[in-house]
C-alpha cells in the first residue's frame, strides 16, 4: 500500500467508548459524537477499511487506517 499523505488525516478522540471528532471536516460542526463502535476503531487500527457516516451532515469518510490520534482516509480533508 502507498504511503497516505498527512493531508488525508483527521484527528479524533476516544472518551470511554465514545469516539468524537472535534470539528467535522465537511460541515465544520464542532464536537461531533460519531456512531463508530470501538470494534470498528479496532479494525481500522488493524488496517481494515471502515466507512464512517458523519451524523452531522451525512458525509461519508472512508478510513483506510487509524492510529491513536488520527484517521487516515482516502481523500484530502485538510485545507
PDB file of N, CA and C in Angstrom:
ATOM      1  N   UNK A   1       0.846  -1.181   0.000  1.00  0.00           N
ATOM      2  CA  UNK A   1       0.000   0.000   0.000  1.00  0.00           C
ATOM      3  C   UNK A   1       0.890   1.243   0.000  1.00  0.00           C
ATOM      4  N   UNK A   2       0.476   2.253  -0.747  1.00  0.00           N
ATOM      5  CA  UNK A   2       1.224   3.503  -0.799  1.00  0.00           C
ATOM      6  C   UNK A   2       1.100   4.239   0.529  1.00  0.00           C
ATOM      7  N   UNK A   3       2.058   5.126   0.757  1.00  0.00           N
ATOM      8  CA  UNK A   3       2.018   5.950   1.960  1.00  0.00           C
ATOM      9  C   UNK A   3       0.881   6.959   1.831  1.00  0.00           C
ATOM     10  N   UNK A   4       0.081   7.085   2.878  1.00  0.00           N
ATOM     11  CA  UNK A   4      -1.042   8.022   2.879  1.00  0.00           C
ATOM     12  C   UNK A   4      -0.516   9.391   3.298  1.00  0.00           C
ATOM     13  N   UNK A   5      -0.755  10.430   2.497  1.00  0.00           N
ATOM     14  CA  UNK A   5      -0.262  11.763   2.865  1.00  0.00           C
ATOM     15  C   UNK A   5      -0.987  12.321   4.089  1.00  0.00           C
ATOM     16  N   UNK A   6      -0.290  13.164   4.837  1.00  0.00           N
ATOM     17  CA  UNK A   6      -0.853  13.728   6.061  1.00  0.00           C
ATOM     18  C   UNK A   6      -2.087  14.585   5.793  1.00  0.00           C
ATOM     19  N   UNK A   7      -2.209  15.125   4.605  1.00  0.00           N
ATOM     20  CA  UNK A   7      -3.391  15.928   4.254  1.00  0.00           C
ATOM     21  C   UNK A   7      -4.669  15.077   4.284  1.00  0.00           C
ATOM     22  N   UNK A   8      -4.512  13.762   4.229  1.00  0.00           N
ATOM     23  CA  UNK A   8      -5.643  12.829   4.260  1.00  0.00           C
ATOM     24  C   UNK A   8      -5.947  12.336   5.673  1.00  0.00           C
ATOM     25  N   UNK A   9      -5.496  13.042   6.687  1.00  0.00           N
ATOM     26  CA  UNK A   9      -5.748  12.611   8.061  1.00  0.00           C
ATOM     27  C   UNK A   9      -6.734  13.552   8.747  1.00  0.00           C
ATOM     28  N   UNK A  10      -7.364  13.026   9.787  1.00  0.00           N
ATOM     29  CA  UNK A  10      -8.254  13.851  10.597  1.00  0.00           C
ATOM     30  C   UNK A  10      -8.182  13.349  12.034  1.00  0.00           C
ATOM     31  N   UNK A  11      -7.981  14.258  13.002  1.00  0.00           N
ATOM     32  CA  UNK A  11      -7.869  13.826  14.404  1.00  0.00           C
ATOM     33  C   UNK A  11      -9.206  13.412  15.000  1.00  0.00           C
ATOM     34  N   UNK A  12      -9.112  12.489  15.930  1.00  0.00           N
ATOM     35  CA  UNK A  12     -10.298  12.060  16.667  1.00  0.00           C
ATOM     36  C   UNK A  12      -9.906  11.868  18.119  1.00  0.00           C
ATOM     37  N   UNK A  13     -10.883  11.689  18.963  1.00  0.00           N
ATOM     38  CA  UNK A  13     -10.623  11.462  20.384  1.00  0.00           C
ATOM     39  C   UNK A  13     -11.582  10.390  20.885  1.00  0.00           C
ATOM     40  N   UNK A  14     -11.048   9.479  21.672  1.00  0.00           N
ATOM     41  CA  UNK A  14     -11.866   8.431  22.271  1.00  0.00           C
ATOM     42  C   UNK A  14     -12.029   8.734  23.751  1.00  0.00           C
ATOM     43  N   UNK A  15     -13.271   8.796  24.203  1.00  0.00           N
ATOM     44  CA  UNK A  15     -13.589   9.009  25.613  1.00  0.00           C
ATOM     45  C   UNK A  15     -14.492   7.870  26.051  1.00  0.00           C
ATOM     46  N   UNK A  16     -13.940   7.014  26.880  1.00  0.00           N
ATOM     47  CA  UNK A  16     -14.583   5.778  27.319  1.00  0.00           C
ATOM     48  C   UNK A  16     -14.903   4.948  26.065  1.00  0.00           C
ATOM     49  N   UNK A  17     -16.158   4.789  25.692  1.00  0.00           N
ATOM     50  CA  UNK A  17     -16.498   4.031  24.478  1.00  0.00           C
ATOM     51  C   UNK A  17     -17.026   4.918  23.358  1.00  0.00           C
ATOM     52  N   UNK A  18     -16.927   6.237  23.539  1.00  0.00           N
ATOM     53  CA  UNK A  18     -17.415   7.179  22.534  1.00  0.00           C
ATOM     54  C   UNK A  18     -16.246   7.730  21.732  1.00  0.00           C
ATOM     55  N   UNK A  19     -16.473   7.911  20.432  1.00  0.00           N
ATOM     56  CA  UNK A  19     -15.451   8.465  19.549  1.00  0.00           C
ATOM     57  C   UNK A  19     -15.962   9.799  19.031  1.00  0.00           C
ATOM     58  N   UNK A  20     -15.198  10.847  19.318  1.00  0.00           N
ATOM     59  CA  UNK A  20     -15.551  12.218  18.957  1.00  0.00           C
ATOM     60  C   UNK A  20     -14.606  12.749  17.891  1.00  0.00           C
ATOM     61  N   UNK A  21     -15.131  13.638  17.080  1.00  0.00           N
ATOM     62  CA  UNK A  21     -14.309  14.430  16.170  1.00  0.00           C
ATOM     63  C   UNK A  21     -14.521  15.870  16.589  1.00  0.00           C
ATOM     64  N   UNK A  22     -13.414  16.580  16.829  1.00  0.00           N
ATOM     65  CA  UNK A  22     -13.508  17.950  17.335  1.00  0.00           C
ATOM     66  C   UNK A  22     -14.271  18.860  16.381  1.00  0.00           C
ATOM     67  N   UNK A  23     -13.954  18.770  15.090  1.00  0.00           N
ATOM     68  CA  UNK A  23     -14.627  19.574  14.077  1.00  0.00           C
ATOM     69  C   UNK A  23     -14.822  18.717  12.837  1.00  0.00           C
ATOM     70  N   UNK A  24     -16.015  18.687  12.318  1.00  0.00           N
ATOM     71  CA  UNK A  24     -16.287  17.907  11.110  1.00  0.00           C
ATOM     72  C   UNK A  24     -15.528  18.513   9.927  1.00  0.00           C
ATOM     73  N   UNK A  25     -14.803  17.697   9.152  1.00  0.00           N
ATOM     74  CA  UNK A  25     -14.069  18.241   8.008  1.00  0.00           C
ATOM     75  C   UNK A  25     -14.970  18.663   6.856  1.00  0.00           C
ATOM     76  N   UNK A  26     -16.225  18.283   6.890  1.00  0.00           N
ATOM     77  CA  UNK A  26     -17.140  18.579   5.788  1.00  0.00           C
ATOM     78  C   UNK A  26     -18.033  19.788   6.052  1.00  0.00           C
ATOM     79  N   UNK A  27     -18.594  19.881   7.268  1.00  0.00           N
ATOM     80  CA  UNK A  27     -19.550  20.961   7.542  1.00  0.00           C
ATOM     81  C   UNK A  27     -19.117  21.876   8.690  1.00  0.00           C
ATOM     82  N   UNK A  28     -17.973  21.621   9.299  1.00  0.00           N
ATOM     83  CA  UNK A  28     -17.400  22.431  10.386  1.00  0.00           C
ATOM     84  C   UNK A  28     -18.202  22.387  11.690  1.00  0.00           C
ATOM     85  N   UNK A  29     -19.096  21.431  11.834  1.00  0.00           N
ATOM     86  CA  UNK A  29     -19.795  21.231  13.107  1.00  0.00           C
ATOM     87  C   UNK A  29     -18.764  20.858  14.168  1.00  0.00           C
ATOM     88  N   UNK A  30     -18.936  21.362  15.379  1.00  0.00           N
ATOM     89  CA  UNK A  30     -17.970  21.111  16.449  1.00  0.00           C
ATOM     90  C   UNK A  30     -18.458  20.025  17.394  1.00  0.00           C
ATOM     91  N   UNK A  31     -17.504  19.323  18.001  1.00  0.00           N
ATOM     92  CA  UNK A  31     -17.749  18.259  18.986  1.00  0.00           C
ATOM     93  C   UNK A  31     -18.778  17.248  18.481  1.00  0.00           C
ATOM     94  N   UNK A  32     -18.424  16.571  17.407  1.00  0.00           N
ATOM     95  CA  UNK A  32     -19.313  15.597  16.786  1.00  0.00           C
ATOM     96  C   UNK A  32     -19.112  14.231  17.438  1.00  0.00           C
ATOM     97  N   UNK A  33     -20.169  13.713  18.007  1.00  0.00           N
ATOM     98  CA  UNK A  33     -20.160  12.358  18.549  1.00  0.00           C
ATOM     99  C   UNK A  33     -20.499  11.419  17.398  1.00  0.00           C
ATOM    100  N   UNK A  34     -19.553  10.574  17.012  1.00  0.00           N
ATOM    101  CA  UNK A  34     -19.782   9.668  15.884  1.00  0.00           C
ATOM    102  C   UNK A  34     -20.547   8.437  16.351  1.00  0.00           C
ATOM    103  N   UNK A  35     -21.029   7.677  15.388  1.00  0.00           N
ATOM    104  CA  UNK A  35     -21.715   6.420  15.665  1.00  0.00           C
ATOM    105  C   UNK A  35     -20.734   5.250  15.600  1.00  0.00           C
ATOM    106  N   UNK A  36     -19.439   5.537  15.502  1.00  0.00           N
ATOM    107  CA  UNK A  36     -18.432   4.487  15.372  1.00  0.00           C
ATOM    108  C   UNK A  36     -18.340   3.668  16.656  1.00  0.00           C
ATOM    109  N   UNK A  37     -18.307   2.374  16.493  1.00  0.00           N
ATOM    110  CA  UNK A  37     -18.166   1.450  17.623  1.00  0.00           C
ATOM    111  C   UNK A  37     -16.681   1.203  17.891  1.00  0.00           C
ATOM    112  N   UNK A  38     -16.362   0.823  19.109  1.00  0.00           N
ATOM    113  CA  UNK A  38     -14.958   0.555  19.446  1.00  0.00           C
ATOM    114  C   UNK A  38     -14.411  -0.606  18.630  1.00  0.00           C
ATOM    115  N   UNK A  39     -15.243  -1.562  18.262  1.00  0.00           N
ATOM    116  CA  UNK A  39     -14.760  -2.684  17.436  1.00  0.00           C
ATOM    117  C   UNK A  39     -14.387  -2.197  16.033  1.00  0.00           C
ATOM    118  N   UNK A  40     -15.128  -1.188  15.504  1.00  0.00           N
ATOM    119  CA  UNK A  40     -14.788  -0.619  14.199  1.00  0.00           C
ATOM    120  C   UNK A  40     -13.471   0.146  14.271  1.00  0.00           C
ATOM    121  N   UNK A  41     -13.253   0.862  15.369  1.00  0.00           N
ATOM    122  CA  UNK A  41     -11.976   1.556  15.551  1.00  0.00           C
ATOM    123  C   UNK A  41     -10.841   0.550  15.634  1.00  0.00           C
ATOM    124  N   UNK A  42     -11.046  -0.539  16.339  1.00  0.00           N
ATOM    125  CA  UNK A  42     -10.014  -1.581  16.444  1.00  0.00           C
ATOM    126  C   UNK A  42      -9.705  -2.168  15.069  1.00  0.00           C
ATOM    127  N   UNK A  43     -10.718  -2.382  14.258  1.00  0.00           N
ATOM    128  CA  UNK A  43     -10.499  -2.907  12.899  1.00  0.00           C
ATOM    129  C   UNK A  43      -9.725  -1.904  12.052  1.00  0.00           C
ATOM    130  N   UNK A  44     -10.037  -0.617  12.187  1.00  0.00           N
ATOM    131  CA  UNK A  44      -9.303   0.409  11.437  1.00  0.00           C
ATOM    132  C   UNK A  44      -7.836   0.436  11.865  1.00  0.00           C
ATOM    133  N   UNK A  45      -7.588   0.248  13.148  1.00  0.00           N
ATOM    134  CA  UNK A  45      -6.207   0.214  13.636  1.00  0.00           C
ATOM    135  C   UNK A  45      -5.448  -1.002  13.112  1.00  0.00           C
ATOM    136  N   UNK A  46      -6.181  -2.059  12.759  1.00  0.00           N
ATOM    137  CA  UNK A  46      -5.572  -3.257  12.174  1.00  0.00           C
ATOM    138  C   UNK A  46      -5.360  -3.110  10.669  1.00  0.00           C
ATOM    139  N   UNK A  47      -5.854  -2.005  10.093  1.00  0.00           N
ATOM    140  CA  UNK A  47      -5.652  -1.748   8.673  1.00  0.00           C
ATOM    141  C   UNK A  47      -6.825  -2.119   7.789  1.00  0.00           C
ATOM    142  N   UNK A  48      -7.974  -2.427   8.384  1.00  0.00           N
ATOM    143  CA  UNK A  48      -9.168  -2.709   7.595  1.00  0.00           C
ATOM    144  C   UNK A  48      -9.891  -1.418   7.265  1.00  0.00           C
ATOM    145  N   UNK A  49     -10.448  -1.348   6.070  1.00  0.00           N
ATOM    146  CA  UNK A  49     -11.199  -0.167   5.649  1.00  0.00           C
ATOM    147  C   UNK A  49     -12.510  -0.094   6.425  1.00  0.00           C
ATOM    148  N   UNK A  50     -12.815   1.096   6.952  1.00  0.00           N
ATOM    149  CA  UNK A  50     -14.037   1.328   7.719  1.00  0.00           C
ATOM    150  C   UNK A  50     -14.718   2.573   7.156  1.00  0.00           C
ATOM    151  N   UNK A  51     -16.014   2.490   6.956  1.00  0.00           N
ATOM    152  CA  UNK A  51     -16.796   3.633   6.482  1.00  0.00           C
ATOM    153  C   UNK A  51     -17.442   4.302   7.692  1.00  0.00           C
ATOM    154  N   UNK A  52     -17.269   5.618   7.785  1.00  0.00           N
ATOM    155  CA  UNK A  52     -17.884   6.391   8.860  1.00  0.00           C
ATOM    156  C   UNK A  52     -18.794   7.437   8.226  1.00  0.00           C
ATOM    157  N   UNK A  53     -20.083   7.352   8.535  1.00  0.00           N
ATOM    158  CA  UNK A  53     -21.045   8.366   8.083  1.00  0.00           C
ATOM    159  C   UNK A  53     -21.128   9.414   9.184  1.00  0.00           C
ATOM    160  N   UNK A  54     -20.802  10.647   8.836  1.00  0.00           N
ATOM    161  CA  UNK A  54     -20.823  11.721   9.823  1.00  0.00           C
ATOM    162  C   UNK A  54     -22.276  12.043  10.178  1.00  0.00           C
ATOM    163  N   UNK A  55     -22.634  11.995  11.459  1.00  0.00           N
ATOM    164  CA  UNK A  55     -24.031  12.214  11.854  1.00  0.00           C
ATOM    165  C   UNK A  55     -24.506  13.652  11.658  1.00  0.00           C
ATOM    166  N   UNK A  56     -23.591  14.585  11.558  1.00  0.00           N
ATOM    167  CA  UNK A  56     -23.967  15.998  11.434  1.00  0.00           C
ATOM    168  C   UNK A  56     -24.388  16.374  10.021  1.00  0.00           C
ATOM    169  N   UNK A  57     -23.766  15.761   9.009  1.00  0.00           N
ATOM    170  CA  UNK A  57     -24.041  16.173   7.630  1.00  0.00           C
ATOM    171  C   UNK A  57     -24.219  14.997   6.669  1.00  0.00           C
ATOM    172  N   UNK A  58     -24.117  13.770   7.173  1.00  0.00           N
ATOM    173  CA  UNK A  58     -24.278  12.541   6.387  1.00  0.00           C
ATOM    174  C   UNK A  58     -23.217  12.338   5.314  1.00  0.00           C
ATOM    175  N   UNK A  59     -22.093  13.032   5.421  1.00  0.00           N
ATOM    176  CA  UNK A  59     -20.980  12.789   4.504  1.00  0.00           C
ATOM    177  C   UNK A  59     -20.304  11.475   4.872  1.00  0.00           C
ATOM    178  N   UNK A  60     -19.719  10.824   3.882  1.00  0.00           N
ATOM    179  CA  UNK A  60     -19.070   9.535   4.086  1.00  0.00           C
ATOM    180  C   UNK A  60     -17.549   9.708   4.154  1.00  0.00           C
ATOM    181  N   UNK A  61     -16.953   9.232   5.242  1.00  0.00           N
ATOM    182  CA  UNK A  61     -15.496   9.230   5.405  1.00  0.00           C
ATOM    183  C   UNK A  61     -15.034   7.781   5.311  1.00  0.00           C
ATOM    184  N   UNK A  62     -14.144   7.504   4.347  1.00  0.00           N
ATOM    185  CA  UNK A  62     -13.597   6.163   4.205  1.00  0.00           C
ATOM    186  C   UNK A  62     -12.254   6.137   4.918  1.00  0.00           C
ATOM    187  N   UNK A  63     -12.200   5.408   6.021  1.00  0.00           N
ATOM    188  CA  UNK A  63     -10.998   5.325   6.847  1.00  0.00           C
ATOM    189  C   UNK A  63     -10.203   4.105   6.399  1.00  0.00           C
ATOM    190  N   UNK A  64      -8.984   4.343   5.925  1.00  0.00           N
ATOM    191  CA  UNK A  64      -8.127   3.251   5.473  1.00  0.00           C
ATOM    192  C   UNK A  64      -7.324   2.660   6.621  1.00  0.00           C
ATOM    193  N   UNK A  65      -6.934   3.516   7.550  1.00  0.00           N
ATOM    194  CA  UNK A  65      -6.163   3.111   8.723  1.00  0.00           C
ATOM    195  C   UNK A  65      -6.484   4.077   9.848  1.00  0.00           C
ATOM    196  N   UNK A  66      -6.116   3.692  11.059  1.00  0.00           N
ATOM    197  CA  UNK A  66      -6.246   4.586  12.208  1.00  0.00           C
ATOM    198  C   UNK A  66      -5.075   4.316  13.144  1.00  0.00           C
ATOM    199  N   UNK A  67      -4.680   5.363  13.853  1.00  0.00           N
ATOM    200  CA  UNK A  67      -3.723   5.186  14.938  1.00  0.00           C
ATOM    201  C   UNK A  67      -4.396   5.750  16.192  1.00  0.00           C
ATOM    202  N   UNK A  68      -3.648   6.035  17.218  1.00  0.00           N
ATOM    203  CA  UNK A  68      -4.255   6.502  18.464  1.00  0.00           C
ATOM    204  C   UNK A  68      -4.753   7.942  18.394  1.00  0.00           C
ATOM    205  N   UNK A  69      -4.392   8.670  17.349  1.00  0.00           N
ATOM    206  CA  UNK A  69      -4.754  10.084  17.248  1.00  0.00           C
ATOM    207  C   UNK A  69      -5.491  10.468  15.973  1.00  0.00           C
ATOM    208  N   UNK A  70      -5.250   9.765  14.872  1.00  0.00           N
ATOM    209  CA  UNK A  70      -5.749  10.188  13.559  1.00  0.00           C
ATOM    210  C   UNK A  70      -6.434   9.065  12.812  1.00  0.00           C
ATOM    211  N   UNK A  71      -7.441   9.464  12.015  1.00  0.00           N
ATOM    212  CA  UNK A  71      -7.980   8.606  10.972  1.00  0.00           C
ATOM    213  C   UNK A  71      -7.196   8.936   9.706  1.00  0.00           C
ATOM    214  N   UNK A  72      -6.776   7.921   8.980  1.00  0.00           N
ATOM    215  CA  UNK A  72      -6.068   8.079   7.710  1.00  0.00           C
ATOM    216  C   UNK A  72      -7.055   7.672   6.622  1.00  0.00           C
ATOM    217  N   UNK A  73      -7.439   8.635   5.766  1.00  0.00           N
ATOM    218  CA  UNK A  73      -8.542   8.428   4.825  1.00  0.00           C
ATOM    219  C   UNK A  73      -8.059   8.361   3.381  1.00  0.00           C
ATOM    220  N   UNK A  74      -9.016   8.135   2.477  1.00  0.00           N
ATOM    221  CA  UNK A  74      -8.698   8.042   1.058  1.00  0.00           C
ATOM    222  C   UNK A  74      -8.859   9.363   0.317  1.00  0.00           C
ATOM    223  N   UNK A  75      -9.133  10.445   1.041  1.00  0.00           N
ATOM    224  CA  UNK A  75      -9.330  11.746   0.395  1.00  0.00           C
ATOM    225  C   UNK A  75      -8.712  12.865   1.236  1.00  0.00           C
ATOM    226  N   UNK A  76      -8.291  13.939   0.606  1.00  0.00           N
ATOM    227  CA  UNK A  76      -7.755  15.077   1.361  1.00  0.00           C
ATOM    228  C   UNK A  76      -8.853  15.723   2.212  1.00  0.00           C
ATOM    229  N   UNK A  77      -8.562  15.922   3.490  1.00  0.00           N
ATOM    230  CA  UNK A  77      -9.522  16.539   4.401  1.00  0.00           C
ATOM    231  C   UNK A  77      -9.044  17.894   4.916  1.00  0.00           C
ATOM    232  N   UNK A  78      -7.770  18.136   4.799  1.00  0.00           N
ATOM    233  CA  UNK A  78      -7.207  19.405   5.306  1.00  0.00           C
ATOM    234  C   UNK A  78      -7.127  20.413   4.172  1.00  0.00           C
ATOM    235  N   UNK A  79      -7.324  21.681   4.525  1.00  0.00           N
ATOM    236  CA  UNK A  79      -7.294  22.746   3.522  1.00  0.00           C
ATOM    237  C   UNK A  79      -5.944  23.409   3.475  1.00  0.00           C
TER     238      UNK A  79
END
